[in-house]
């Protein structure tokens, strides 16, 4: 994966999941600093993973950056449905 390679070279520790179910288990067990979430995951899709992450008090505060495929299949409205308050002011 290109993202994994770039982040690893930049010095970040990268942990990957092969599907949405595994992603939830890893997030709960490791409590990462950041999640890059593919909306097109097998087994449990990205919107369901995002919803589960934000509904679980253990993982709710983990920042999530959403990566998606074709905009016609998955747009910003799906992310807003999964988590109504997705944007935060970093200041």
C-alpha atoms as a PDB file:
ATOM      1  CA  UNK A   1       0.000   0.000   0.000  1.00  0.00           C
ATOM      2  CA  UNK A   2       1.284   3.418  -0.931  1.00  0.00           C
ATOM      3  CA  UNK A   3       0.024   5.117   2.227  1.00  0.00           C
ATOM      4  CA  UNK A   4       1.700   2.538   4.463  1.00  0.00           C
ATOM      5  CA  UNK A   5       5.015   2.899   2.653  1.00  0.00           C
ATOM      6  CA  UNK A   6       5.027   6.691   2.800  1.00  0.00           C
ATOM      7  CA  UNK A   7       4.096   6.803   6.477  1.00  0.00           C
ATOM      8  CA  UNK A   8       6.634   4.134   7.424  1.00  0.00           C
ATOM      9  CA  UNK A   9       9.427   6.002   5.626  1.00  0.00           C
ATOM     10  CA  UNK A  10       8.416   9.142   7.509  1.00  0.00           C
ATOM     11  CA  UNK A  11       8.978   7.319  10.791  1.00  0.00           C
ATOM     12  CA  UNK A  12       5.412   6.409  11.724  1.00  0.00           C
ATOM     13  CA  UNK A  13       4.501   2.975  13.078  1.00  0.00           C
ATOM     14  CA  UNK A  14       1.817   1.621  10.759  1.00  0.00           C
ATOM     15  CA  UNK A  15      -0.632  -1.166  11.599  1.00  0.00           C
ATOM     16  CA  UNK A  16      -2.964  -2.392   8.867  1.00  0.00           C
ATOM     17  CA  UNK A  17      -6.197  -4.372   8.828  1.00  0.00           C
ATOM     18  CA  UNK A  18      -7.452  -6.525   5.978  1.00  0.00           C
ATOM     19  CA  UNK A  19     -11.142  -5.820   6.645  1.00  0.00           C
ATOM     20  CA  UNK A  20     -13.496  -3.739   8.772  1.00  0.00           C
ATOM     21  CA  UNK A  21     -13.927  -6.312  11.519  1.00  0.00           C
ATOM     22  CA  UNK A  22     -10.170  -6.577  11.998  1.00  0.00           C
ATOM     23  CA  UNK A  23      -9.887  -2.774  11.949  1.00  0.00           C
ATOM     24  CA  UNK A  24     -12.292  -2.471  14.880  1.00  0.00           C
ATOM     25  CA  UNK A  25     -10.422  -5.102  16.889  1.00  0.00           C
ATOM     26  CA  UNK A  26      -7.070  -3.421  16.259  1.00  0.00           C
ATOM     27  CA  UNK A  27      -8.435   0.038  17.093  1.00  0.00           C
ATOM     28  CA  UNK A  28      -9.905  -1.207  20.371  1.00  0.00           C
ATOM     29  CA  UNK A  29      -6.790  -3.170  21.373  1.00  0.00           C
ATOM     30  CA  UNK A  30      -4.092  -0.672  20.354  1.00  0.00           C
ATOM     31  CA  UNK A  31      -5.853   2.726  20.632  1.00  0.00           C
ATOM     32  CA  UNK A  32      -3.903   4.343  17.777  1.00  0.00           C
ATOM     33  CA  UNK A  33      -3.145   8.065  17.577  1.00  0.00           C
ATOM     34  CA  UNK A  34      -4.845   8.250  14.167  1.00  0.00           C
ATOM     35  CA  UNK A  35      -6.882   6.007  11.865  1.00  0.00           C
ATOM     36  CA  UNK A  36      -6.783   6.178   8.072  1.00  0.00           C
ATOM     37  CA  UNK A  37     -10.076   4.503   7.170  1.00  0.00           C
ATOM     38  CA  UNK A  38     -10.803   3.077   3.738  1.00  0.00           C
ATOM     39  CA  UNK A  39     -14.511   3.357   3.011  1.00  0.00           C
ATOM     40  CA  UNK A  40     -14.385   0.337   0.686  1.00  0.00           C
ATOM     41  CA  UNK A  41     -13.358  -2.326   3.241  1.00  0.00           C
ATOM     42  CA  UNK A  42     -14.582  -5.923   2.920  1.00  0.00           C
ATOM     43  CA  UNK A  43     -16.774  -7.665   5.548  1.00  0.00           C
ATOM     44  CA  UNK A  44     -17.682  -4.497   7.433  1.00  0.00           C
ATOM     45  CA  UNK A  45     -17.634  -1.340   5.322  1.00  0.00           C
ATOM     46  CA  UNK A  46     -16.034   1.970   6.193  1.00  0.00           C
ATOM     47  CA  UNK A  47     -19.248   3.768   7.228  1.00  0.00           C
ATOM     48  CA  UNK A  48     -20.098   0.935   9.643  1.00  0.00           C
ATOM     49  CA  UNK A  49     -16.552   0.929  11.024  1.00  0.00           C
ATOM     50  CA  UNK A  50     -16.639   4.700  11.524  1.00  0.00           C
ATOM     51  CA  UNK A  51     -20.026   4.499  13.237  1.00  0.00           C
ATOM     52  CA  UNK A  52     -18.800   1.725  15.558  1.00  0.00           C
ATOM     53  CA  UNK A  53     -15.596   3.615  16.371  1.00  0.00           C
ATOM     54  CA  UNK A  54     -17.455   6.789  17.301  1.00  0.00           C
ATOM     55  CA  UNK A  55     -20.135   4.988  19.338  1.00  0.00           C
ATOM     56  CA  UNK A  56     -17.562   3.135  21.465  1.00  0.00           C
ATOM     57  CA  UNK A  57     -16.249   5.254  24.368  1.00  0.00           C
ATOM     58  CA  UNK A  58     -12.860   3.494  24.113  1.00  0.00           C
ATOM     59  CA  UNK A  59     -12.304   4.534  20.467  1.00  0.00           C
ATOM     60  CA  UNK A  60     -14.561   7.590  20.090  1.00  0.00           C
ATOM     61  CA  UNK A  61     -11.779  10.142  20.574  1.00  0.00           C
ATOM     62  CA  UNK A  62      -9.415   8.627  17.977  1.00  0.00           C
ATOM     63  CA  UNK A  63      -9.140  10.995  14.981  1.00  0.00           C
ATOM     64  CA  UNK A  64     -10.177   9.365  11.694  1.00  0.00           C
ATOM     65  CA  UNK A  65      -9.145  10.399   8.184  1.00  0.00           C
ATOM     66  CA  UNK A  66     -11.510   8.905   5.624  1.00  0.00           C
ATOM     67  CA  UNK A  67     -10.123   7.537   2.363  1.00  0.00           C
ATOM     68  CA  UNK A  68     -12.693   6.643  -0.250  1.00  0.00           C
ATOM     69  CA  UNK A  69     -13.013   5.270  -3.741  1.00  0.00           C
ATOM     70  CA  UNK A  70     -15.142   6.796  -6.480  1.00  0.00           C
ATOM     71  CA  UNK A  71     -17.143   9.762  -5.191  1.00  0.00           C
ATOM     72  CA  UNK A  72     -20.284   8.520  -6.890  1.00  0.00           C
ATOM     73  CA  UNK A  73     -20.247   5.408  -4.690  1.00  0.00           C
ATOM     74  CA  UNK A  74     -19.327   6.989  -1.369  1.00  0.00           C
ATOM     75  CA  UNK A  75     -19.613  10.679  -0.685  1.00  0.00           C
ATOM     76  CA  UNK A  76     -19.291  12.987   2.293  1.00  0.00           C
ATOM     77  CA  UNK A  77     -22.953  12.522   3.210  1.00  0.00           C
ATOM     78  CA  UNK A  78     -22.257   8.881   4.147  1.00  0.00           C
ATOM     79  CA  UNK A  79     -19.565  10.015   6.556  1.00  0.00           C
ATOM     80  CA  UNK A  80     -21.853  12.606   8.101  1.00  0.00           C
ATOM     81  CA  UNK A  81     -24.494   9.904   8.656  1.00  0.00           C
ATOM     82  CA  UNK A  82     -21.904   7.744  10.403  1.00  0.00           C
ATOM     83  CA  UNK A  83     -20.699  10.595  12.603  1.00  0.00           C
ATOM     84  CA  UNK A  84     -22.668  13.847  12.530  1.00  0.00           C
ATOM     85  CA  UNK A  85     -19.818  15.947  13.965  1.00  0.00           C
ATOM     86  CA  UNK A  86     -16.819  14.980  11.832  1.00  0.00           C
ATOM     87  CA  UNK A  87     -14.994  18.290  11.680  1.00  0.00           C
ATOM     88  CA  UNK A  88     -13.106  19.934  14.502  1.00  0.00           C
ATOM     89  CA  UNK A  89     -11.345  23.240  14.699  1.00  0.00           C
ATOM     90  CA  UNK A  90      -7.692  22.400  15.471  1.00  0.00           C
ATOM     91  CA  UNK A  91      -7.145  25.776  17.152  1.00  0.00           C
END
